[in-house]
Amino acid sequence: MDKESSDIHSSIEDDDSYENEQVQIVHSFPYYIMETIAAGAYSALAKTTVAPLERIKILLQTRAEGFHSVGAYGSFKKIVKHEGVRGLYKANGVTILRMLPHSAFHHMTYEQYRSILHYKCPSVGTGPLLDILAGSAAGGTAFLCTYPLDLARTKYAYQVVDRRKNCSDGLRCSCIHSGHPAHEAHQGIRDVFRTIYRRGGMLALYRGVGPTLGGILPYNVLKFYSYEQFKTMVPTEHQSSVALNLSCGALAGLFGQTVMYPLDVVRRQMQVDILDQNGAKYKNTIQGLKAIIYNQGWRQLYAGLCINYMKVVPSVAIGLASFDAIKRRLQIPS
């Protein structure tokens, strides 16, 4: 009996020493890498939680046949009916895969751009304008480096396949809807990339990037100044609260997204090759905006916006709880 207790105690000590060893390995990394790992982990958890809402939003933004007229709840039921519960998380793996390199590129380039602007353009100063410009440049760089993954995610999530039909024996399922009537369903993300490259080469991997790059700077300006306004509403004794600061940041981001949302709709429609009234693809952002208003009505520019509002509370709550837990686990200093 004593030997058995000793074995259990030894096993627990081994587990503890292994966990401490893992934490020591993490501590050997530079601080910004530890912070990137923690931010990537909590973002992945938060994104996975709201992944069903993201899938529905893409279908509403792209005016997917059979979905644009049934609303968010109707789209939820229709996805479950045709693809099962797993269909709600379709392409979520690509979202998570994209997040770590996106965060890494943003962290690595932000300080570089800040230094360049500070020394090459001293008239910018060292205040908020410098942070906004450096943040926008870093965000644009990170987005360009990871954009093909965003494009592939949208194309894959856009296709709704009836999994109730037998698609075995190497036969490809046909989509319930797509931009082309006889379009076959992609069999995975690699298949999406192969199809895009085969049809348009490397440039096709960046279709729709214009609306996003054009919206980064105004979005950051709106987010920064609205964040400062929201912070003034917080009592002085609570201004150091992480939860309140995160909530103010989420509300500021939501305000910026609301104003710039039409550009996001144009990007999504360009990514899935929605056609204009002449049967041609959108050539640029302005043409896309005009075509959507002319063919689909101005309300389409805000299709799925309500889902952004629905995501705020769970995203902030899960993000805050998981970020604190991960930082404690990895013993990252505040």
C-alpha atoms as a PDB file:
ATOM      1  CA  MET A   1       0.000   0.000   0.000  1.00  0.00           C
ATOM      2  CA  ASP A   2       2.871   2.341   0.895  1.00  0.00           C
ATOM      3  CA  LYS A   3       4.610   1.437  -2.358  1.00  0.00           C
ATOM      4  CA  GLU A   4       1.454   2.213  -4.363  1.00  0.00           C
ATOM      5  CA  SER A   5       1.105   5.628  -2.661  1.00  0.00           C
ATOM      6  CA  SER A   6       4.767   6.296  -3.332  1.00  0.00           C
ATOM      7  CA  ASP A   7       4.312   5.449  -7.041  1.00  0.00           C
ATOM      8  CA  ILE A   8       1.312   7.803  -7.322  1.00  0.00           C
ATOM      9  CA  HIS A   9       3.213  10.582  -5.557  1.00  0.00           C
ATOM     10  CA  SER A  10       6.194  10.033  -7.854  1.00  0.00           C
ATOM     11  CA  SER A  11       3.932  10.141 -10.928  1.00  0.00           C
ATOM     12  CA  ILE A  12       2.401  13.449  -9.796  1.00  0.00           C
ATOM     13  CA  GLU A  13       5.867  14.905  -9.221  1.00  0.00           C
ATOM     14  CA  ASP A  14       6.940  13.774 -12.703  1.00  0.00           C
ATOM     15  CA  ASP A  15       3.875  15.468 -14.241  1.00  0.00           C
ATOM     16  CA  ASP A  16       4.579  18.670 -12.302  1.00  0.00           C
ATOM     17  CA  SER A  17       8.228  18.686 -13.332  1.00  0.00           C
ATOM     18  CA  TYR A  18       7.218  18.109 -16.987  1.00  0.00           C
ATOM     19  CA  GLU A  19       4.751  21.018 -16.867  1.00  0.00           C
ATOM     20  CA  ASN A  20       7.338  23.270 -15.209  1.00  0.00           C
ATOM     21  CA  GLU A  21       9.834  22.278 -17.902  1.00  0.00           C
ATOM     22  CA  GLN A  22       7.332  23.274 -20.608  1.00  0.00           C
ATOM     23  CA  VAL A  23       6.775  26.650 -18.907  1.00  0.00           C
ATOM     24  CA  GLN A  24      10.556  27.187 -18.712  1.00  0.00           C
ATOM     25  CA  ILE A  25      10.817  26.535 -22.463  1.00  0.00           C
ATOM     26  CA  VAL A  26       8.162  29.191 -23.089  1.00  0.00           C
ATOM     27  CA  HIS A  27      10.015  31.606 -20.780  1.00  0.00           C
ATOM     28  CA  SER A  28      13.125  31.242 -22.945  1.00  0.00           C
ATOM     29  CA  PHE A  29      11.238  33.035 -25.748  1.00  0.00           C
ATOM     30  CA  PRO A  30      11.272  36.848 -26.081  1.00  0.00           C
ATOM     31  CA  TYR A  31       8.347  38.573 -24.386  1.00  0.00           C
ATOM     32  CA  TYR A  32       6.595  39.554 -27.618  1.00  0.00           C
ATOM     33  CA  ILE A  33       6.621  35.922 -28.783  1.00  0.00           C
ATOM     34  CA  MET A  34       5.062  34.772 -25.486  1.00  0.00           C
ATOM     35  CA  GLU A  35       2.431  37.478 -25.842  1.00  0.00           C
ATOM     36  CA  THR A  36       1.775  36.440 -29.468  1.00  0.00           C
ATOM     37  CA  ILE A  37       1.323  32.799 -28.397  1.00  0.00           C
ATOM     38  CA  ALA A  38      -1.113  33.809 -25.649  1.00  0.00           C
ATOM     39  CA  ALA A  39      -3.023  36.182 -27.945  1.00  0.00           C
ATOM     40  CA  GLY A  40      -3.174  33.557 -30.697  1.00  0.00           C
ATOM     41  CA  ALA A  41      -4.467  30.889 -28.304  1.00  0.00           C
ATOM     42  CA  TYR A  42      -7.227  33.024 -26.803  1.00  0.00           C
ATOM     43  CA  SER A  43      -8.196  34.405 -30.224  1.00  0.00           C
ATOM     44  CA  ALA A  44      -8.477  30.879 -31.607  1.00  0.00           C
ATOM     45  CA  LEU A  45     -10.778  29.888 -28.758  1.00  0.00           C
ATOM     46  CA  ALA A  46     -12.920  33.004 -29.169  1.00  0.00           C
ATOM     47  CA  LYS A  47     -13.108  32.570 -32.972  1.00  0.00           C
ATOM     48  CA  THR A  48     -14.097  28.916 -32.632  1.00  0.00           C
ATOM     49  CA  THR A  49     -16.906  29.849 -30.252  1.00  0.00           C
ATOM     50  CA  VAL A  50     -18.447  32.294 -32.731  1.00  0.00           C
ATOM     51  CA  ALA A  51     -17.524  30.304 -35.889  1.00  0.00           C
ATOM     52  CA  PRO A  52     -21.183  29.391 -36.651  1.00  0.00           C
ATOM     53  CA  LEU A  53     -22.067  33.091 -36.694  1.00  0.00           C
ATOM     54  CA  GLU A  54     -19.142  33.820 -39.023  1.00  0.00           C
ATOM     55  CA  ARG A  55     -20.263  31.108 -41.457  1.00  0.00           C
ATOM     56  CA  ILE A  56     -23.789  32.526 -41.534  1.00  0.00           C
ATOM     57  CA  LYS A  57     -22.467  36.059 -42.011  1.00  0.00           C
ATOM     58  CA  ILE A  58     -20.475  35.022 -45.086  1.00  0.00           C
ATOM     59  CA  LEU A  59     -23.566  33.412 -46.616  1.00  0.00           C
ATOM     60  CA  LEU A  60     -25.613  36.553 -45.980  1.00  0.00           C
ATOM     61  CA  GLN A  61     -22.915  38.912 -47.272  1.00  0.00           C
ATOM     62  CA  THR A  62     -22.500  36.947 -50.498  1.00  0.00           C
ATOM     63  CA  ARG A  63     -26.248  36.674 -51.004  1.00  0.00           C
ATOM     64  CA  ALA A  64     -26.002  32.901 -51.253  1.00  0.00           C
ATOM     65  CA  GLU A  65     -28.964  31.378 -53.049  1.00  0.00           C
ATOM     66  CA  GLY A  66     -31.578  30.144 -50.581  1.00  0.00           C
ATOM     67  CA  PHE A  67     -29.962  31.932 -47.634  1.00  0.00           C
ATOM     68  CA  HIS A  68     -30.222  35.693 -48.179  1.00  0.00           C
ATOM     69  CA  SER A  69     -33.988  35.689 -47.701  1.00  0.00           C
ATOM     70  CA  VAL A  70     -34.256  33.456 -44.617  1.00  0.00           C
ATOM     71  CA  GLY A  71     -32.217  35.504 -42.127  1.00  0.00           C
ATOM     72  CA  ALA A  72     -29.658  34.358 -39.561  1.00  0.00           C
ATOM     73  CA  TYR A  73     -31.826  31.785 -37.758  1.00  0.00           C
ATOM     74  CA  GLY A  74     -33.180  30.335 -40.999  1.00  0.00           C
ATOM     75  CA  SER A  75     -29.623  30.051 -42.341  1.00  0.00           C
ATOM     76  CA  PHE A  76     -28.555  28.281 -39.132  1.00  0.00           C
ATOM     77  CA  LYS A  77     -31.280  25.662 -39.531  1.00  0.00           C
ATOM     78  CA  LYS A  78     -30.570  25.210 -43.229  1.00  0.00           C
ATOM     79  CA  ILE A  79     -26.844  24.600 -42.685  1.00  0.00           C
ATOM     80  CA  VAL A  80     -27.562  22.011 -39.979  1.00  0.00           C
ATOM     81  CA  LYS A  81     -30.139  20.358 -42.230  1.00  0.00           C
ATOM     82  CA  HIS A  82     -27.774  19.976 -45.202  1.00  0.00           C
ATOM     83  CA  GLU A  83     -24.324  19.687 -43.645  1.00  0.00           C
ATOM     84  CA  GLY A  84     -24.979  18.780 -40.020  1.00  0.00           C
ATOM     85  CA  VAL A  85     -23.553  20.511 -36.960  1.00  0.00           C
ATOM     86  CA  ARG A  86     -20.033  20.222 -38.401  1.00  0.00           C
ATOM     87  CA  GLY A  87     -21.143  22.480 -41.232  1.00  0.00           C
ATOM     88  CA  LEU A  88     -21.419  25.374 -38.767  1.00  0.00           C
ATOM     89  CA  TYR A  89     -17.646  25.157 -38.262  1.00  0.00           C
ATOM     90  CA  LYS A  90     -16.711  24.757 -41.915  1.00  0.00           C
ATOM     91  CA  ALA A  91     -13.467  26.605 -42.746  1.00  0.00           C
ATOM     92  CA  ASN A  92     -12.884  27.487 -39.073  1.00  0.00           C
ATOM     93  CA  GLY A  93      -9.600  25.580 -39.198  1.00  0.00           C
ATOM     94  CA  VAL A  94      -8.334  27.984 -41.868  1.00  0.00           C
ATOM     95  CA  THR A  95      -9.334  30.946 -39.691  1.00  0.00           C
ATOM     96  CA  ILE A  96      -7.269  29.585 -36.794  1.00  0.00           C
ATOM     97  CA  LEU A  97      -4.367  28.673 -39.107  1.00  0.00           C
ATOM     98  CA  ARG A  98      -4.315  32.263 -40.396  1.00  0.00           C
ATOM     99  CA  MET A  99      -4.369  33.925 -36.988  1.00  0.00           C
ATOM    100  CA  LEU A 100      -0.889  33.073 -35.700  1.00  0.00           C
ATOM    101  CA  PRO A 101       1.079  34.262 -38.779  1.00  0.00           C
ATOM    102  CA  HIS A 102      -1.187  37.329 -38.996  1.00  0.00           C
ATOM    103  CA  SER A 103      -0.403  38.245 -35.361  1.00  0.00           C
ATOM    104  CA  ALA A 104       3.276  37.489 -35.864  1.00  0.00           C
ATOM    105  CA  PHE A 105       3.580  39.673 -38.985  1.00  0.00           C
ATOM    106  CA  HIS A 106       1.703  42.472 -37.217  1.00  0.00           C
ATOM    107  CA  HIS A 107       3.953  42.339 -34.136  1.00  0.00           C
ATOM    108  CA  MET A 108       7.164  42.113 -36.178  1.00  0.00           C
ATOM    109  CA  THR A 109       6.370  44.982 -38.545  1.00  0.00           C
ATOM    110  CA  TYR A 110       4.627  47.411 -36.181  1.00  0.00           C
ATOM    111  CA  GLU A 111       7.784  48.558 -34.376  1.00  0.00           C
ATOM    112  CA  GLN A 112       9.677  48.672 -37.675  1.00  0.00           C
ATOM    113  CA  TYR A 113       7.109  50.962 -39.265  1.00  0.00           C
ATOM    114  CA  ARG A 114       6.971  53.058 -36.101  1.00  0.00           C
ATOM    115  CA  SER A 115      10.732  53.604 -36.146  1.00  0.00           C
ATOM    116  CA  ILE A 116      10.773  54.422 -39.873  1.00  0.00           C
ATOM    117  CA  LEU A 117       7.974  56.967 -39.523  1.00  0.00           C
ATOM    118  CA  HIS A 118       9.555  58.489 -36.413  1.00  0.00           C
ATOM    119  CA  TYR A 119      12.947  59.071 -38.059  1.00  0.00           C
ATOM    120  CA  LYS A 120      11.943  59.620 -41.704  1.00  0.00           C
ATOM    121  CA  CYS A 121       8.831  61.729 -41.012  1.00  0.00           C
ATOM    122  CA  PRO A 122       9.518  63.671 -37.783  1.00  0.00           C
ATOM    123  CA  SER A 123       6.520  65.916 -38.519  1.00  0.00           C
ATOM    124  CA  VAL A 124       4.280  62.974 -37.581  1.00  0.00           C
ATOM    125  CA  GLY A 125       5.449  63.323 -33.982  1.00  0.00           C
ATOM    126  CA  THR A 126       5.221  60.624 -31.305  1.00  0.00           C
ATOM    127  CA  GLY A 127       1.525  60.866 -30.468  1.00  0.00           C
ATOM    128  CA  PRO A 128      -1.569  58.960 -31.583  1.00  0.00           C
ATOM    129  CA  LEU A 129      -1.020  59.731 -35.286  1.00  0.00           C
ATOM    130  CA  LEU A 130       2.255  57.775 -35.264  1.00  0.00           C
ATOM    131  CA  ASP A 131       0.548  54.763 -33.656  1.00  0.00           C
ATOM    132  CA  ILE A 132      -2.372  54.906 -36.100  1.00  0.00           C
ATOM    133  CA  LEU A 133      -0.126  55.093 -39.181  1.00  0.00           C
ATOM    134  CA  ALA A 134       2.254  52.387 -37.932  1.00  0.00           C
ATOM    135  CA  GLY A 135      -0.655  50.171 -36.908  1.00  0.00           C
ATOM    136  CA  SER A 136      -2.349  50.602 -40.283  1.00  0.00           C
ATOM    137  CA  ALA A 137       0.845  49.809 -42.179  1.00  0.00           C
ATOM    138  CA  ALA A 138       1.489  46.742 -39.996  1.00  0.00           C
ATOM    139  CA  GLY A 139      -2.129  45.615 -40.390  1.00  0.00           C
ATOM    140  CA  GLY A 140      -1.924  45.998 -44.164  1.00  0.00           C
ATOM    141  CA  THR A 141       1.322  44.016 -44.300  1.00  0.00           C
ATOM    142  CA  ALA A 142      -0.065  41.221 -42.123  1.00  0.00           C
ATOM    143  CA  PHE A 143      -3.238  41.093 -44.197  1.00  0.00           C
ATOM    144  CA  LEU A 144      -1.338  40.918 -47.503  1.00  0.00           C
ATOM    145  CA  CYS A 145       0.853  38.084 -46.199  1.00  0.00           C
ATOM    146  CA  THR A 146      -2.134  36.005 -45.077  1.00  0.00           C
ATOM    147  CA  TYR A 147      -4.797  37.106 -47.583  1.00  0.00           C
ATOM    148  CA  PRO A 148      -4.818  33.876 -49.668  1.00  0.00           C
ATOM    149  CA  LEU A 149      -5.940  31.996 -46.542  1.00  0.00           C
ATOM    150  CA  ASP A 150      -8.803  34.476 -46.045  1.00  0.00           C
ATOM    151  CA  LEU A 151      -9.830  34.077 -49.688  1.00  0.00           C
ATOM    152  CA  ALA A 152      -9.783  30.279 -49.456  1.00  0.00           C
ATOM    153  CA  ARG A 153     -11.798  30.359 -46.224  1.00  0.00           C
ATOM    154  CA  THR A 154     -14.505  32.515 -47.817  1.00  0.00           C
ATOM    155  CA  LYS A 155     -14.760  30.355 -50.938  1.00  0.00           C
ATOM    156  CA  TYR A 156     -14.935  27.162 -48.880  1.00  0.00           C
ATOM    157  CA  ALA A 157     -17.488  28.541 -46.393  1.00  0.00           C
ATOM    158  CA  TYR A 158     -19.606  29.932 -49.266  1.00  0.00           C
ATOM    159  CA  GLN A 159     -20.267  26.474 -50.670  1.00  0.00           C
ATOM    160  CA  VAL A 160     -23.122  24.598 -49.026  1.00  0.00           C
ATOM    161  CA  VAL A 161     -23.196  20.901 -49.871  1.00  0.00           C
ATOM    162  CA  ASP A 162     -26.020  18.464 -49.176  1.00  0.00           C
ATOM    163  CA  ARG A 163     -24.168  15.796 -47.195  1.00  0.00           C
ATOM    164  CA  ARG A 164     -27.303  13.665 -47.041  1.00  0.00           C
ATOM    165  CA  LYS A 165     -26.535  12.569 -50.605  1.00  0.00           C
ATOM    166  CA  ASN A 166     -23.992   9.837 -51.209  1.00  0.00           C
ATOM    167  CA  CYS A 167     -20.697  11.402 -52.325  1.00  0.00           C
ATOM    168  CA  SER A 168     -18.468   8.354 -51.946  1.00  0.00           C
ATOM    169  CA  ASP A 169     -16.563   6.334 -54.546  1.00  0.00           C
ATOM    170  CA  GLY A 170     -14.494   9.353 -55.547  1.00  0.00           C
ATOM    171  CA  LEU A 171     -17.480  11.298 -56.868  1.00  0.00           C
ATOM    172  CA  ARG A 172     -17.682  14.993 -56.029  1.00  0.00           C
ATOM    173  CA  CYS A 173     -20.749  16.460 -54.398  1.00  0.00           C
ATOM    174  CA  SER A 174     -22.509  19.260 -56.231  1.00  0.00           C
ATOM    175  CA  CYS A 175     -23.169  22.511 -54.402  1.00  0.00           C
ATOM    176  CA  ILE A 176     -26.698  23.505 -53.432  1.00  0.00           C
ATOM    177  CA  HIS A 177     -25.688  26.983 -54.564  1.00  0.00           C
ATOM    178  CA  SER A 178     -22.689  28.717 -56.110  1.00  0.00           C
ATOM    179  CA  GLY A 179     -21.832  31.465 -58.519  1.00  0.00           C
ATOM    180  CA  HIS A 180     -21.952  28.881 -61.313  1.00  0.00           C
ATOM    181  CA  PRO A 181     -24.932  26.502 -61.653  1.00  0.00           C
ATOM    182  CA  ALA A 182     -22.957  23.331 -62.234  1.00  0.00           C
ATOM    183  CA  HIS A 183     -20.100  24.101 -59.878  1.00  0.00           C
ATOM    184  CA  GLU A 184     -18.688  21.140 -57.977  1.00  0.00           C
ATOM    185  CA  ALA A 185     -17.983  21.268 -54.276  1.00  0.00           C
ATOM    186  CA  HIS A 186     -14.409  21.700 -53.139  1.00  0.00           C
ATOM    187  CA  GLN A 187     -13.046  18.697 -51.288  1.00  0.00           C
ATOM    188  CA  GLY A 188     -10.941  20.727 -48.889  1.00  0.00           C
ATOM    189  CA  ILE A 189      -8.813  23.839 -48.601  1.00  0.00           C
ATOM    190  CA  ARG A 190      -6.012  22.437 -50.755  1.00  0.00           C
ATOM    191  CA  ASP A 191      -8.562  21.784 -53.471  1.00  0.00           C
ATOM    192  CA  VAL A 192      -9.716  25.420 -53.151  1.00  0.00           C
ATOM    193  CA  PHE A 193      -6.153  26.669 -53.660  1.00  0.00           C
ATOM    194  CA  ARG A 194      -5.585  24.369 -56.639  1.00  0.00           C
ATOM    195  CA  THR A 195      -8.807  25.528 -58.294  1.00  0.00           C
ATOM    196  CA  ILE A 196      -8.060  29.230 -57.732  1.00  0.00           C
ATOM    197  CA  TYR A 197      -4.511  28.915 -59.058  1.00  0.00           C
ATOM    198  CA  ARG A 198      -5.559  26.832 -62.065  1.00  0.00           C
ATOM    199  CA  ARG A 199      -8.181  29.376 -63.103  1.00  0.00           C
ATOM    200  CA  GLY A 200      -6.322  32.636 -62.478  1.00  0.00           C
ATOM    201  CA  GLY A 201      -2.749  32.109 -61.334  1.00  0.00           C
ATOM    202  CA  MET A 202      -1.127  33.928 -58.409  1.00  0.00           C
ATOM    203  CA  LEU A 203      -3.088  37.148 -58.933  1.00  0.00           C
ATOM    204  CA  ALA A 204      -6.350  35.259 -58.370  1.00  0.00           C
ATOM    205  CA  LEU A 205      -5.208  34.542 -54.794  1.00  0.00           C
ATOM    206  CA  TYR A 206      -5.527  38.270 -54.076  1.00  0.00           C
ATOM    207  CA  ARG A 207      -8.889  38.950 -55.655  1.00  0.00           C
ATOM    208  CA  GLY A 208     -10.855  41.317 -53.407  1.00  0.00           C
ATOM    209  CA  VAL A 209      -7.843  42.596 -51.479  1.00  0.00           C
ATOM    210  CA  GLY A 210      -8.478  46.225 -52.569  1.00  0.00           C
ATOM    211  CA  PRO A 211     -11.539  46.962 -50.380  1.00  0.00           C
ATOM    212  CA  THR A 212      -9.719  45.715 -47.293  1.00  0.00           C
ATOM    213  CA  LEU A 213      -6.503  47.675 -47.853  1.00  0.00           C
ATOM    214  CA  GLY A 214      -8.558  50.789 -48.593  1.00  0.00           C
ATOM    215  CA  GLY A 215     -10.473  50.414 -45.336  1.00  0.00           C
ATOM    216  CA  ILE A 216      -7.614  49.719 -42.883  1.00  0.00           C
ATOM    217  CA  LEU A 217      -6.544  53.325 -42.228  1.00  0.00           C
ATOM    218  CA  PRO A 218     -10.038  54.850 -41.809  1.00  0.00           C
ATOM    219  CA  TYR A 219     -11.036  51.865 -39.640  1.00  0.00           C
ATOM    220  CA  ASN A 220      -8.050  52.409 -37.330  1.00  0.00           C
ATOM    221  CA  VAL A 221      -8.772  56.142 -37.089  1.00  0.00           C
ATOM    222  CA  LEU A 222     -12.409  55.489 -36.181  1.00  0.00           C
ATOM    223  CA  LYS A 223     -11.469  52.774 -33.718  1.00  0.00           C
ATOM    224  CA  PHE A 224      -8.831  54.873 -31.947  1.00  0.00           C
ATOM    225  CA  TYR A 225     -10.927  57.981 -31.467  1.00  0.00           C
ATOM    226  CA  SER A 226     -14.080  56.106 -30.497  1.00  0.00           C
ATOM    227  CA  TYR A 227     -12.010  54.067 -27.999  1.00  0.00           C
ATOM    228  CA  GLU A 228     -10.800  57.294 -26.400  1.00  0.00           C
ATOM    229  CA  GLN A 229     -14.398  58.530 -26.206  1.00  0.00           C
ATOM    230  CA  PHE A 230     -15.622  55.294 -24.612  1.00  0.00           C
ATOM    231  CA  LYS A 231     -12.807  55.451 -22.036  1.00  0.00           C
ATOM    232  CA  THR A 232     -13.954  58.905 -20.907  1.00  0.00           C
ATOM    233  CA  MET A 233     -17.273  57.311 -19.925  1.00  0.00           C
ATOM    234  CA  VAL A 234     -15.516  54.915 -17.523  1.00  0.00           C
ATOM    235  CA  PRO A 235     -15.153  56.177 -13.929  1.00  0.00           C
ATOM    236  CA  THR A 236     -11.562  57.119 -13.033  1.00  0.00           C
ATOM    237  CA  GLU A 237     -11.265  54.442 -10.344  1.00  0.00           C
ATOM    238  CA  HIS A 238     -12.083  51.699 -12.908  1.00  0.00           C
ATOM    239  CA  GLN A 239      -9.920  52.888 -15.816  1.00  0.00           C
ATOM    240  CA  SER A 240      -7.198  50.362 -14.999  1.00  0.00           C
ATOM    241  CA  SER A 241      -9.646  47.457 -15.252  1.00  0.00           C
ATOM    242  CA  VAL A 242      -8.627  44.991 -17.971  1.00  0.00           C
ATOM    243  CA  ALA A 243     -12.250  43.915 -18.501  1.00  0.00           C
ATOM    244  CA  LEU A 244     -13.480  47.482 -18.999  1.00  0.00           C
ATOM    245  CA  ASN A 245     -10.588  48.357 -21.293  1.00  0.00           C
ATOM    246  CA  LEU A 246     -11.240  45.237 -23.353  1.00  0.00           C
ATOM    247  CA  SER A 247     -14.943  46.095 -23.501  1.00  0.00           C
ATOM    248  CA  CYS A 248     -14.167  49.649 -24.651  1.00  0.00           C
ATOM    249  CA  GLY A 249     -11.863  48.230 -27.309  1.00  0.00           C
ATOM    250  CA  ALA A 250     -14.565  45.819 -28.490  1.00  0.00           C
ATOM    251  CA  LEU A 251     -17.165  48.604 -28.711  1.00  0.00           C
ATOM    252  CA  ALA A 252     -14.708  50.860 -30.556  1.00  0.00           C
ATOM    253  CA  GLY A 253     -13.918  48.053 -32.990  1.00  0.00           C
ATOM    254  CA  LEU A 254     -17.626  47.439 -33.501  1.00  0.00           C
ATOM    255  CA  PHE A 255     -18.207  51.113 -34.285  1.00  0.00           C
ATOM    256  CA  GLY A 256     -15.388  51.069 -36.842  1.00  0.00           C
ATOM    257  CA  GLN A 257     -16.702  47.839 -38.394  1.00  0.00           C
ATOM    258  CA  THR A 258     -20.202  49.297 -38.700  1.00  0.00           C
ATOM    259  CA  VAL A 259     -18.993  52.343 -40.614  1.00  0.00           C
ATOM    260  CA  MET A 260     -16.652  50.345 -42.877  1.00  0.00           C
ATOM    261  CA  TYR A 261     -18.928  47.302 -43.228  1.00  0.00           C
ATOM    262  CA  PRO A 262     -19.950  47.937 -46.882  1.00  0.00           C
ATOM    263  CA  LEU A 263     -16.308  47.439 -47.910  1.00  0.00           C
ATOM    264  CA  ASP A 264     -16.330  44.047 -46.192  1.00  0.00           C
ATOM    265  CA  VAL A 265     -19.423  43.043 -48.188  1.00  0.00           C
ATOM    266  CA  VAL A 266     -17.746  44.106 -51.447  1.00  0.00           C
ATOM    267  CA  ARG A 267     -14.656  42.072 -50.531  1.00  0.00           C
ATOM    268  CA  ARG A 268     -16.681  38.944 -49.816  1.00  0.00           C
ATOM    269  CA  GLN A 269     -18.633  39.246 -53.062  1.00  0.00           C
ATOM    270  CA  MET A 270     -15.422  39.769 -55.042  1.00  0.00           C
ATOM    271  CA  GLN A 271     -13.887  36.732 -53.370  1.00  0.00           C
ATOM    272  CA  VAL A 272     -16.714  34.429 -54.491  1.00  0.00           C
ATOM    273  CA  ASP A 273     -16.970  36.052 -57.960  1.00  0.00           C
ATOM    274  CA  ILE A 274     -20.451  37.572 -57.754  1.00  0.00           C
ATOM    275  CA  LEU A 275     -21.314  39.097 -61.159  1.00  0.00           C
ATOM    276  CA  ASP A 276     -22.695  42.559 -61.970  1.00  0.00           C
ATOM    277  CA  GLN A 277     -25.722  43.385 -64.171  1.00  0.00           C
ATOM    278  CA  ASN A 278     -23.624  42.779 -67.314  1.00  0.00           C
ATOM    279  CA  GLY A 279     -22.488  39.342 -66.203  1.00  0.00           C
ATOM    280  CA  ALA A 280     -18.943  40.548 -65.425  1.00  0.00           C
ATOM    281  CA  LYS A 281     -16.903  40.321 -62.234  1.00  0.00           C
ATOM    282  CA  TYR A 282     -16.383  43.446 -60.145  1.00  0.00           C
ATOM    283  CA  LYS A 283     -13.166  45.138 -61.279  1.00  0.00           C
ATOM    284  CA  ASN A 284     -12.684  47.393 -58.273  1.00  0.00           C
ATOM    285  CA  THR A 285     -14.259  48.607 -55.030  1.00  0.00           C
ATOM    286  CA  ILE A 286     -16.257  51.483 -56.558  1.00  0.00           C
ATOM    287  CA  GLN A 287     -17.741  49.273 -59.262  1.00  0.00           C
ATOM    288  CA  GLY A 288     -18.589  46.676 -56.635  1.00  0.00           C
ATOM    289  CA  LEU A 289     -20.413  49.225 -54.462  1.00  0.00           C
ATOM    290  CA  LYS A 290     -22.371  50.544 -57.451  1.00  0.00           C
ATOM    291  CA  ALA A 291     -23.279  47.057 -58.690  1.00  0.00           C
ATOM    292  CA  ILE A 292     -24.492  45.907 -55.264  1.00  0.00           C
ATOM    293  CA  ILE A 293     -26.680  49.014 -54.811  1.00  0.00           C
ATOM    294  CA  TYR A 294     -28.056  48.733 -58.378  1.00  0.00           C
ATOM    295  CA  ASN A 295     -28.695  44.958 -58.426  1.00  0.00           C
ATOM    296  CA  GLN A 296     -29.259  44.015 -54.801  1.00  0.00           C
ATOM    297  CA  GLY A 297     -30.316  47.245 -53.088  1.00  0.00           C
ATOM    298  CA  TRP A 298     -28.405  49.390 -50.580  1.00  0.00           C
ATOM    299  CA  ARG A 299     -29.536  47.198 -47.682  1.00  0.00           C
ATOM    300  CA  GLN A 300     -27.283  44.417 -49.002  1.00  0.00           C
ATOM    301  CA  LEU A 301     -24.272  46.556 -48.047  1.00  0.00           C
ATOM    302  CA  TYR A 302     -25.225  45.849 -44.415  1.00  0.00           C
ATOM    303  CA  ALA A 303     -26.307  42.214 -44.799  1.00  0.00           C
ATOM    304  CA  GLY A 304     -25.119  40.207 -41.791  1.00  0.00           C
ATOM    305  CA  LEU A 305     -24.151  43.290 -39.762  1.00  0.00           C
ATOM    306  CA  CYS A 306     -26.407  42.195 -36.901  1.00  0.00           C
ATOM    307  CA  ILE A 307     -24.187  39.125 -36.499  1.00  0.00           C
ATOM    308  CA  ASN A 308     -21.232  41.387 -35.650  1.00  0.00           C
ATOM    309  CA  TYR A 309     -23.291  42.765 -32.767  1.00  0.00           C
ATOM    310  CA  MET A 310     -24.257  39.255 -31.650  1.00  0.00           C
ATOM    311  CA  LYS A 311     -20.584  38.220 -31.486  1.00  0.00           C
ATOM    312  CA  VAL A 312     -19.380  41.021 -29.219  1.00  0.00           C
ATOM    313  CA  VAL A 313     -20.438  39.700 -25.809  1.00  0.00           C
ATOM    314  CA  PRO A 314     -19.287  36.057 -26.204  1.00  0.00           C
ATOM    315  CA  SER A 315     -16.066  37.108 -27.936  1.00  0.00           C
ATOM    316  CA  VAL A 316     -15.097  39.591 -25.215  1.00  0.00           C
ATOM    317  CA  ALA A 317     -16.129  37.292 -22.344  1.00  0.00           C
ATOM    318  CA  ILE A 318     -14.340  34.212 -23.696  1.00  0.00           C
ATOM    319  CA  GLY A 319     -11.355  36.221 -24.878  1.00  0.00           C
ATOM    320  CA  LEU A 320     -10.843  37.867 -21.483  1.00  0.00           C
ATOM    321  CA  ALA A 321     -11.281  34.664 -19.470  1.00  0.00           C
ATOM    322  CA  SER A 322      -9.067  32.527 -21.710  1.00  0.00           C
ATOM    323  CA  PHE A 323      -6.358  35.201 -22.093  1.00  0.00           C
ATOM    324  CA  ASP A 324      -6.012  35.536 -18.321  1.00  0.00           C
ATOM    325  CA  ALA A 325      -5.978  31.753 -17.895  1.00  0.00           C
ATOM    326  CA  ILE A 326      -3.339  31.258 -20.603  1.00  0.00           C
ATOM    327  CA  LYS A 327      -1.118  34.029 -19.236  1.00  0.00           C
ATOM    328  CA  ARG A 328      -1.318  32.488 -15.736  1.00  0.00           C
ATOM    329  CA  ARG A 329      -0.579  29.042 -17.130  1.00  0.00           C
ATOM    330  CA  LEU A 330       2.477  30.249 -19.055  1.00  0.00           C
ATOM    331  CA  GLN A 331       3.410  32.624 -16.182  1.00  0.00           C
ATOM    332  CA  ILE A 332       3.575  35.612 -18.527  1.00  0.00           C
ATOM    333  CA  PRO A 333       3.923  38.873 -16.545  1.00  0.00           C
ATOM    334  CA  SER A 334       1.180  41.495 -16.948  1.00  0.00           C
END
